[in-house]
Amino acid sequence: MEKNPSNHRLAMDNRQFLSLTGVSKVQSFDPKEILLETIQGVLSIKGEKLGIKHLDLKAGQVEVEGLIDALVYPRNSGSRQNVWAKIFR
């Protein structure tokens, strides 16, 4: 993987392994969704039995395992509303 945190790159193998660069922070994590802050915005990884296999925020690298269903870069205003909507259901 590249060690330049100014680049953001995704590489996925068979929807079961995802390698990322350009990650600055893990916002939240559970087996169904991982929220990462990247240099291109927040990235939502949705799926089942998700786990972070490798995390090196100094290098901006993350590796995720599990069944990956979706990769989404939500808009800033919408992602906040979705969080509050989930809380107050």
PDB file of N, CA and C in Angstrom:
ATOM      1  N   MET A   1       0.826  -1.181   0.000  1.00  0.00           N
ATOM      2  CA  MET A   1       0.000   0.000   0.000  1.00  0.00           C
ATOM      3  C   MET A   1       0.871   1.244   0.000  1.00  0.00           C
ATOM      4  N   GLU A   2       0.380   2.324  -0.614  1.00  0.00           N
ATOM      5  CA  GLU A   2       1.119   3.568  -0.643  1.00  0.00           C
ATOM      6  C   GLU A   2       1.154   4.194   0.744  1.00  0.00           C
ATOM      7  N   LYS A   3       2.243   4.911   1.044  1.00  0.00           N
ATOM      8  CA  LYS A   3       2.363   5.546   2.344  1.00  0.00           C
ATOM      9  C   LYS A   3       2.192   7.056   2.264  1.00  0.00           C
ATOM     10  N   ASN A   4       1.590   7.557   1.195  1.00  0.00           N
ATOM     11  CA  ASN A   4       1.367   8.978   1.028  1.00  0.00           C
ATOM     12  C   ASN A   4      -0.054   9.313   1.467  1.00  0.00           C
ATOM     13  N   PRO A   5      -0.229   9.948   2.653  1.00  0.00           N
ATOM     14  CA  PRO A   5      -1.576  10.218   3.134  1.00  0.00           C
ATOM     15  C   PRO A   5      -2.326  11.264   2.318  1.00  0.00           C
ATOM     16  N   SER A   6      -1.674  11.887   1.311  1.00  0.00           N
ATOM     17  CA  SER A   6      -2.380  12.858   0.478  1.00  0.00           C
ATOM     18  C   SER A   6      -3.155  12.168  -0.643  1.00  0.00           C
ATOM     19  N   ASN A   7      -3.001  10.870  -0.803  1.00  0.00           N
ATOM     20  CA  ASN A   7      -3.752  10.089  -1.789  1.00  0.00           C
ATOM     21  C   ASN A   7      -4.823   9.270  -1.085  1.00  0.00           C
ATOM     22  N   HIS A   8      -5.945   9.082  -1.771  1.00  0.00           N
ATOM     23  CA  HIS A   8      -7.010   8.239  -1.240  1.00  0.00           C
ATOM     24  C   HIS A   8      -7.257   7.150  -2.270  1.00  0.00           C
ATOM     25  N   ARG A   9      -7.070   5.912  -1.844  1.00  0.00           N
ATOM     26  CA  ARG A   9      -7.194   4.787  -2.761  1.00  0.00           C
ATOM     27  C   ARG A   9      -7.973   3.664  -2.092  1.00  0.00           C
ATOM     28  N   LEU A  10      -8.805   2.983  -2.874  1.00  0.00           N
ATOM     29  CA  LEU A  10      -9.563   1.822  -2.416  1.00  0.00           C
ATOM     30  C   LEU A  10      -9.235   0.645  -3.314  1.00  0.00           C
ATOM     31  N   ALA A  11      -9.037  -0.522  -2.712  1.00  0.00           N
ATOM     32  CA  ALA A  11      -8.854  -1.758  -3.472  1.00  0.00           C
ATOM     33  C   ALA A  11      -9.651  -2.848  -2.759  1.00  0.00           C
ATOM     34  N   MET A  12     -10.606  -3.454  -3.474  1.00  0.00           N
ATOM     35  CA  MET A  12     -11.453  -4.468  -2.864  1.00  0.00           C
ATOM     36  C   MET A  12     -11.282  -5.791  -3.594  1.00  0.00           C
ATOM     37  N   ASP A  13     -11.221  -6.874  -2.814  1.00  0.00           N
ATOM     38  CA  ASP A  13     -11.117  -8.225  -3.356  1.00  0.00           C
ATOM     39  C   ASP A  13     -12.372  -9.012  -2.989  1.00  0.00           C
ATOM     40  N   ASN A  14     -13.143  -9.389  -4.007  1.00  0.00           N
ATOM     41  CA  ASN A  14     -14.294 -10.291  -3.843  1.00  0.00           C
ATOM     42  C   ASN A  14     -15.284  -9.862  -2.764  1.00  0.00           C
ATOM     43  N   ARG A  15     -15.442  -8.568  -2.560  1.00  0.00           N
ATOM     44  CA  ARG A  15     -16.360  -8.015  -1.547  1.00  0.00           C
ATOM     45  C   ARG A  15     -16.051  -8.503  -0.137  1.00  0.00           C
ATOM     46  N   GLN A  16     -14.872  -9.096   0.096  1.00  0.00           N
ATOM     47  CA  GLN A  16     -14.544  -9.622   1.413  1.00  0.00           C
ATOM     48  C   GLN A  16     -13.327  -8.966   2.046  1.00  0.00           C
ATOM     49  N   PHE A  17     -12.568  -8.203   1.281  1.00  0.00           N
ATOM     50  CA  PHE A  17     -11.372  -7.546   1.811  1.00  0.00           C
ATOM     51  C   PHE A  17     -11.242  -6.183   1.147  1.00  0.00           C
ATOM     52  N   LEU A  18     -11.048  -5.142   1.951  1.00  0.00           N
ATOM     53  CA  LEU A  18     -10.931  -3.782   1.435  1.00  0.00           C
ATOM     54  C   LEU A  18      -9.689  -3.137   2.024  1.00  0.00           C
ATOM     55  N   SER A  19      -8.848  -2.610   1.157  1.00  0.00           N
ATOM     56  CA  SER A  19      -7.634  -1.919   1.557  1.00  0.00           C
ATOM     57  C   SER A  19      -7.790  -0.449   1.176  1.00  0.00           C
ATOM     58  N   LEU A  20      -7.526   0.462   2.138  1.00  0.00           N
ATOM     59  CA  LEU A  20      -7.714   1.887   1.897  1.00  0.00           C
ATOM     60  C   LEU A  20      -6.479   2.676   2.293  1.00  0.00           C
ATOM     61  N   THR A  21      -6.253   3.787   1.595  1.00  0.00           N
ATOM     62  CA  THR A  21      -5.250   4.771   1.997  1.00  0.00           C
ATOM     63  C   THR A  21      -5.942   6.128   2.076  1.00  0.00           C
ATOM     64  N   GLY A  22      -5.275   7.085   2.701  1.00  0.00           N
ATOM     65  CA  GLY A  22      -5.844   8.421   2.840  1.00  0.00           C
ATOM     66  C   GLY A  22      -6.869   8.525   3.950  1.00  0.00           C
ATOM     67  N   VAL A  23      -6.781   7.641   4.943  1.00  0.00           N
ATOM     68  CA  VAL A  23      -7.714   7.636   6.071  1.00  0.00           C
ATOM     69  C   VAL A  23      -7.086   8.407   7.229  1.00  0.00           C
ATOM     70  N   SER A  24      -7.863   9.327   7.819  1.00  0.00           N
ATOM     71  CA  SER A  24      -7.336  10.128   8.923  1.00  0.00           C
ATOM     72  C   SER A  24      -7.929   9.760  10.279  1.00  0.00           C
ATOM     73  N   LYS A  25      -9.129   9.145  10.291  1.00  0.00           N
ATOM     74  CA  LYS A  25      -9.782   8.859  11.574  1.00  0.00           C
ATOM     75  C   LYS A  25     -10.864   7.799  11.386  1.00  0.00           C
ATOM     76  N   VAL A  26     -11.063   6.979  12.410  1.00  0.00           N
ATOM     77  CA  VAL A  26     -12.199   6.058  12.454  1.00  0.00           C
ATOM     78  C   VAL A  26     -13.264   6.737  13.304  1.00  0.00           C
ATOM     79  N   GLN A  27     -14.383   7.124  12.692  1.00  0.00           N
ATOM     80  CA  GLN A  27     -15.455   7.800  13.428  1.00  0.00           C
ATOM     81  C   GLN A  27     -16.253   6.822  14.271  1.00  0.00           C
ATOM     82  N   SER A  28     -16.608   5.688  13.676  1.00  0.00           N
ATOM     83  CA  SER A  28     -17.351   4.672  14.420  1.00  0.00           C
ATOM     84  C   SER A  28     -17.155   3.324  13.742  1.00  0.00           C
ATOM     85  N   PHE A  29     -17.455   2.288  14.519  1.00  0.00           N
ATOM     86  CA  PHE A  29     -17.227   0.933  14.020  1.00  0.00           C
ATOM     87  C   PHE A  29     -18.180  -0.021  14.710  1.00  0.00           C
ATOM     88  N   ASP A  30     -18.848  -0.844  13.931  1.00  0.00           N
ATOM     89  CA  ASP A  30     -19.569  -2.001  14.445  1.00  0.00           C
ATOM     90  C   ASP A  30     -19.612  -3.040  13.322  1.00  0.00           C
ATOM     91  N   PRO A  31     -20.069  -4.254  13.590  1.00  0.00           N
ATOM     92  CA  PRO A  31     -20.015  -5.311  12.567  1.00  0.00           C
ATOM     93  C   PRO A  31     -20.837  -5.035  11.306  1.00  0.00           C
ATOM     94  N   LYS A  32     -21.738  -4.033  11.341  1.00  0.00           N
ATOM     95  CA  LYS A  32     -22.565  -3.738  10.167  1.00  0.00           C
ATOM     96  C   LYS A  32     -22.173  -2.448   9.451  1.00  0.00           C
ATOM     97  N   GLU A  33     -21.421  -1.553  10.112  1.00  0.00           N
ATOM     98  CA  GLU A  33     -21.032  -0.301   9.459  1.00  0.00           C
ATOM     99  C   GLU A  33     -19.761   0.260  10.082  1.00  0.00           C
ATOM    100  N   ILE A  34     -18.874   0.724   9.219  1.00  0.00           N
ATOM    101  CA  ILE A  34     -17.655   1.410   9.637  1.00  0.00           C
ATOM    102  C   ILE A  34     -17.673   2.786   8.984  1.00  0.00           C
ATOM    103  N   LEU A  35     -17.479   3.837   9.788  1.00  0.00           N
ATOM    104  CA  LEU A  35     -17.400   5.200   9.273  1.00  0.00           C
ATOM    105  C   LEU A  35     -15.969   5.687   9.411  1.00  0.00           C
ATOM    106  N   LEU A  36     -15.372   6.064   8.283  1.00  0.00           N
ATOM    107  CA  LEU A  36     -13.990   6.535   8.263  1.00  0.00           C
ATOM    108  C   LEU A  36     -13.939   7.960   7.739  1.00  0.00           C
ATOM    109  N   GLU A  37     -13.084   8.787   8.337  1.00  0.00           N
ATOM    110  CA  GLU A  37     -12.795  10.098   7.770  1.00  0.00           C
ATOM    111  C   GLU A  37     -11.609   9.927   6.841  1.00  0.00           C
ATOM    112  N   THR A  38     -11.788  10.343   5.585  1.00  0.00           N
ATOM    113  CA  THR A  38     -10.715  10.258   4.597  1.00  0.00           C
ATOM    114  C   THR A  38     -10.433  11.659   4.067  1.00  0.00           C
ATOM    115  N   ILE A  39      -9.384  11.783   3.286  1.00  0.00           N
ATOM    116  CA  ILE A  39      -9.071  13.090   2.710  1.00  0.00           C
ATOM    117  C   ILE A  39     -10.076  13.482   1.631  1.00  0.00           C
ATOM    118  N   GLN A  40     -10.943  12.560   1.235  1.00  0.00           N
ATOM    119  CA  GLN A  40     -11.996  12.844   0.261  1.00  0.00           C
ATOM    120  C   GLN A  40     -13.371  12.957   0.912  1.00  0.00           C
ATOM    121  N   GLY A  41     -13.425  12.943   2.234  1.00  0.00           N
ATOM    122  CA  GLY A  41     -14.688  13.031   2.959  1.00  0.00           C
ATOM    123  C   GLY A  41     -14.943  11.771   3.761  1.00  0.00           C
ATOM    124  N   VAL A  42     -16.085  11.740   4.427  1.00  0.00           N
ATOM    125  CA  VAL A  42     -16.458  10.589   5.246  1.00  0.00           C
ATOM    126  C   VAL A  42     -16.850   9.434   4.325  1.00  0.00           C
ATOM    127  N   LEU A  43     -16.379   8.239   4.665  1.00  0.00           N
ATOM    128  CA  LEU A  43     -16.698   7.029   3.909  1.00  0.00           C
ATOM    129  C   LEU A  43     -17.452   6.073   4.818  1.00  0.00           C
ATOM    130  N   SER A  44     -18.624   5.647   4.382  1.00  0.00           N
ATOM    131  CA  SER A  44     -19.425   4.662   5.097  1.00  0.00           C
ATOM    132  C   SER A  44     -19.259   3.316   4.400  1.00  0.00           C
ATOM    133  N   ILE A  45     -18.798   2.330   5.162  1.00  0.00           N
ATOM    134  CA  ILE A  45     -18.648   0.966   4.654  1.00  0.00           C
ATOM    135  C   ILE A  45     -19.725   0.137   5.338  1.00  0.00           C
ATOM    136  N   LYS A  46     -20.650  -0.418   4.557  1.00  0.00           N
ATOM    137  CA  LYS A  46     -21.746  -1.198   5.126  1.00  0.00           C
ATOM    138  C   LYS A  46     -21.617  -2.647   4.701  1.00  0.00           C
ATOM    139  N   GLY A  47     -22.029  -3.544   5.601  1.00  0.00           N
ATOM    140  CA  GLY A  47     -21.962  -4.958   5.293  1.00  0.00           C
ATOM    141  C   GLY A  47     -22.297  -5.804   6.499  1.00  0.00           C
ATOM    142  N   GLU A  48     -21.723  -6.995   6.541  1.00  0.00           N
ATOM    143  CA  GLU A  48     -21.958  -7.937   7.632  1.00  0.00           C
ATOM    144  C   GLU A  48     -20.629  -8.476   8.133  1.00  0.00           C
ATOM    145  N   LYS A  49     -20.542  -8.667   9.430  1.00  0.00           N
ATOM    146  CA  LYS A  49     -19.344  -9.213  10.080  1.00  0.00           C
ATOM    147  C   LYS A  49     -18.095  -8.422   9.693  1.00  0.00           C
ATOM    148  N   LEU A  50     -18.227  -7.091   9.656  1.00  0.00           N
ATOM    149  CA  LEU A  50     -17.099  -6.237   9.297  1.00  0.00           C
ATOM    150  C   LEU A  50     -16.116  -6.150  10.455  1.00  0.00           C
ATOM    151  N   GLY A  51     -14.859  -6.141  10.129  1.00  0.00           N
ATOM    152  CA  GLY A  51     -13.807  -6.006  11.125  1.00  0.00           C
ATOM    153  C   GLY A  51     -12.624  -5.257  10.543  1.00  0.00           C
ATOM    154  N   ILE A  52     -11.951  -4.505  11.396  1.00  0.00           N
ATOM    155  CA  ILE A  52     -10.748  -3.796  10.962  1.00  0.00           C
ATOM    156  C   ILE A  52      -9.563  -4.713  11.219  1.00  0.00           C
ATOM    157  N   LYS A  53      -8.947  -5.175  10.144  1.00  0.00           N
ATOM    158  CA  LYS A  53      -7.825  -6.111  10.240  1.00  0.00           C
ATOM    159  C   LYS A  53      -6.520  -5.381  10.524  1.00  0.00           C
ATOM    160  N   HIS A  54      -6.344  -4.203   9.914  1.00  0.00           N
ATOM    161  CA  HIS A  54      -5.108  -3.429  10.080  1.00  0.00           C
ATOM    162  C   HIS A  54      -5.470  -1.954  10.135  1.00  0.00           C
ATOM    163  N   LEU A  55      -4.850  -1.217  11.077  1.00  0.00           N
ATOM    164  CA  LEU A  55      -5.100   0.214  11.216  1.00  0.00           C
ATOM    165  C   LEU A  55      -3.789   0.921  11.497  1.00  0.00           C
ATOM    166  N   ASP A  56      -3.402   1.835  10.614  1.00  0.00           N
ATOM    167  CA  ASP A  56      -2.206   2.662  10.791  1.00  0.00           C
ATOM    168  C   ASP A  56      -2.563   4.078  10.355  1.00  0.00           C
ATOM    169  N   LEU A  57      -3.068   4.877  11.300  1.00  0.00           N
ATOM    170  CA  LEU A  57      -3.522   6.221  10.956  1.00  0.00           C
ATOM    171  C   LEU A  57      -2.368   7.158  10.627  1.00  0.00           C
ATOM    172  N   LYS A  58      -1.177   6.893  11.156  1.00  0.00           N
ATOM    173  CA  LYS A  58      -0.021   7.727  10.792  1.00  0.00           C
ATOM    174  C   LYS A  58       0.268   7.623   9.300  1.00  0.00           C
ATOM    175  N   ALA A  59       0.134   6.424   8.757  1.00  0.00           N
ATOM    176  CA  ALA A  59       0.341   6.203   7.320  1.00  0.00           C
ATOM    177  C   ALA A  59      -0.961   6.361   6.534  1.00  0.00           C
ATOM    178  N   GLY A  60      -2.091   6.501   7.248  1.00  0.00           N
ATOM    179  CA  GLY A  60      -3.383   6.650   6.582  1.00  0.00           C
ATOM    180  C   GLY A  60      -3.928   5.367   6.002  1.00  0.00           C
ATOM    181  N   GLN A  61      -3.550   4.219   6.570  1.00  0.00           N
ATOM    182  CA  GLN A  61      -3.921   2.919   6.005  1.00  0.00           C
ATOM    183  C   GLN A  61      -4.911   2.166   6.890  1.00  0.00           C
ATOM    184  N   VAL A  62      -5.889   1.543   6.241  1.00  0.00           N
ATOM    185  CA  VAL A  62      -6.869   0.702   6.927  1.00  0.00           C
ATOM    186  C   VAL A  62      -7.158  -0.500   6.039  1.00  0.00           C
ATOM    187  N   GLU A  63      -7.312  -1.665   6.666  1.00  0.00           N
ATOM    188  CA  GLU A  63      -7.746  -2.872   5.967  1.00  0.00           C
ATOM    189  C   GLU A  63      -8.986  -3.402   6.674  1.00  0.00           C
ATOM    190  N   VAL A  64     -10.017  -3.705   5.898  1.00  0.00           N
ATOM    191  CA  VAL A  64     -11.298  -4.158   6.432  1.00  0.00           C
ATOM    192  C   VAL A  64     -11.605  -5.539   5.872  1.00  0.00           C
ATOM    193  N   GLU A  65     -12.117  -6.415   6.747  1.00  0.00           N
ATOM    194  CA  GLU A  65     -12.566  -7.755   6.346  1.00  0.00           C
ATOM    195  C   GLU A  65     -14.050  -7.891   6.649  1.00  0.00           C
ATOM    196  N   GLY A  66     -14.715  -8.793   5.957  1.00  0.00           N
ATOM    197  CA  GLY A  66     -16.127  -9.062   6.154  1.00  0.00           C
ATOM    198  C   GLY A  66     -16.840  -9.033   4.818  1.00  0.00           C
ATOM    199  N   LEU A  67     -18.159  -9.204   4.836  1.00  0.00           N
ATOM    200  CA  LEU A  67     -18.947  -9.129   3.606  1.00  0.00           C
ATOM    201  C   LEU A  67     -19.336  -7.674   3.374  1.00  0.00           C
ATOM    202  N   ILE A  68     -18.767  -7.054   2.358  1.00  0.00           N
ATOM    203  CA  ILE A  68     -18.979  -5.634   2.084  1.00  0.00           C
ATOM    204  C   ILE A  68     -20.145  -5.485   1.112  1.00  0.00           C
ATOM    205  N   ASP A  69     -21.183  -4.754   1.556  1.00  0.00           N
ATOM    206  CA  ASP A  69     -22.372  -4.528   0.736  1.00  0.00           C
ATOM    207  C   ASP A  69     -22.351  -3.178   0.029  1.00  0.00           C
ATOM    208  N   ALA A  70     -21.780  -2.145   0.678  1.00  0.00           N
ATOM    209  CA  ALA A  70     -21.840  -0.803   0.089  1.00  0.00           C
ATOM    210  C   ALA A  70     -20.698   0.069   0.582  1.00  0.00           C
ATOM    211  N   LEU A  71     -20.227   0.931  -0.314  1.00  0.00           N
ATOM    212  CA  LEU A  71     -19.264   1.982   0.006  1.00  0.00           C
ATOM    213  C   LEU A  71     -19.929   3.291  -0.389  1.00  0.00           C
ATOM    214  N   VAL A  72     -20.121   4.201   0.582  1.00  0.00           N
ATOM    215  CA  VAL A  72     -20.855   5.434   0.320  1.00  0.00           C
ATOM    216  C   VAL A  72     -20.115   6.616   0.931  1.00  0.00           C
ATOM    217  N   TYR A  73     -20.036   7.702   0.154  1.00  0.00           N
ATOM    218  CA  TYR A  73     -19.527   8.974   0.660  1.00  0.00           C
ATOM    219  C   TYR A  73     -20.746   9.872   0.882  1.00  0.00           C
ATOM    220  N   PRO A  74     -21.351   9.825   2.084  1.00  0.00           N
ATOM    221  CA  PRO A  74     -22.568  10.618   2.310  1.00  0.00           C
ATOM    222  C   PRO A  74     -22.263  12.116   2.317  1.00  0.00           C
ATOM    223  N   ARG A  75     -23.258  12.896   1.935  1.00  0.00           N
ATOM    224  CA  ARG A  75     -23.116  14.354   2.009  1.00  0.00           C
ATOM    225  C   ARG A  75     -23.119  14.757   3.476  1.00  0.00           C
ATOM    226  N   ASN A  76     -22.397  15.815   3.822  1.00  0.00           N
ATOM    227  CA  ASN A  76     -22.244  16.236   5.220  1.00  0.00           C
ATOM    228  C   ASN A  76     -23.573  16.451   5.922  1.00  0.00           C
ATOM    229  N   SER A  77     -24.488  17.204   5.339  1.00  0.00           N
ATOM    230  CA  SER A  77     -25.747  17.502   6.017  1.00  0.00           C
ATOM    231  C   SER A  77     -26.598  16.245   6.175  1.00  0.00           C
ATOM    232  N   GLY A  78     -26.623  15.388   5.174  1.00  0.00           N
ATOM    233  CA  GLY A  78     -27.435  14.183   5.235  1.00  0.00           C
ATOM    234  C   GLY A  78     -26.931  13.185   6.248  1.00  0.00           C
ATOM    235  N   SER A  79     -25.620  13.050   6.381  1.00  0.00           N
ATOM    236  CA  SER A  79     -25.084  12.058   7.307  1.00  0.00           C
ATOM    237  C   SER A  79     -25.409  12.417   8.745  1.00  0.00           C
ATOM    238  N   ARG A  80     -25.396  13.706   9.079  1.00  0.00           N
ATOM    239  CA  ARG A  80     -25.757  14.112  10.438  1.00  0.00           C
ATOM    240  C   ARG A  80     -27.223  13.827  10.712  1.00  0.00           C
ATOM    241  N   GLN A  81     -28.078  14.138   9.749  1.00  0.00           N
ATOM    242  CA  GLN A  81     -29.496  13.887   9.927  1.00  0.00           C
ATOM    243  C   GLN A  81     -29.756  12.394  10.086  1.00  0.00           C
ATOM    244  N   ASN A  82     -29.060  11.558   9.340  1.00  0.00           N
ATOM    245  CA  ASN A  82     -29.258  10.118   9.449  1.00  0.00           C
ATOM    246  C   ASN A  82     -28.880   9.611  10.826  1.00  0.00           C
ATOM    247  N   VAL A  83     -27.810  10.130  11.406  1.00  0.00           N
ATOM    248  CA  VAL A  83     -27.400   9.715  12.747  1.00  0.00           C
ATOM    249  C   VAL A  83     -28.486  10.062  13.746  1.00  0.00           C
ATOM    250  N   TRP A  84     -29.002  11.295  13.681  1.00  0.00           N
ATOM    251  CA  TRP A  84     -30.057  11.703  14.613  1.00  0.00           C
ATOM    252  C   TRP A  84     -31.340  10.916  14.357  1.00  0.00           C
ATOM    253  N   ALA A  85     -31.650  10.630  13.126  1.00  0.00           N
ATOM    254  CA  ALA A  85     -32.848   9.850  12.820  1.00  0.00           C
ATOM    255  C   ALA A  85     -32.747   8.451  13.416  1.00  0.00           C
ATOM    256  N   LYS A  86     -31.560   7.854  13.367  1.00  0.00           N
ATOM    257  CA  LYS A  86     -31.363   6.520  13.945  1.00  0.00           C
ATOM    258  C   LYS A  86     -31.526   6.551  15.459  1.00  0.00           C
ATOM    259  N   ILE A  87     -31.032   7.607  16.091  1.00  0.00           N
ATOM    260  CA  ILE A  87     -31.099   7.709  17.554  1.00  0.00           C
ATOM    261  C   ILE A  87     -32.540   7.849  18.031  1.00  0.00           C
ATOM    262  N   PHE A  88     -33.336   8.654  17.318  1.00  0.00           N
ATOM    263  CA  PHE A  88     -34.683   8.967  17.787  1.00  0.00           C
ATOM    264  C   PHE A  88     -35.776   8.145  17.121  1.00  0.00           C
ATOM    265  N   ARG A  89     -35.469   6.974  16.621  1.00  0.00           N
ATOM    266  CA  ARG A  89     -36.495   6.087  16.036  1.00  0.00           C
ATOM    267  C   ARG A  89     -37.349   5.496  17.112  1.00  0.00           C
TER     268      ARG A  89
END
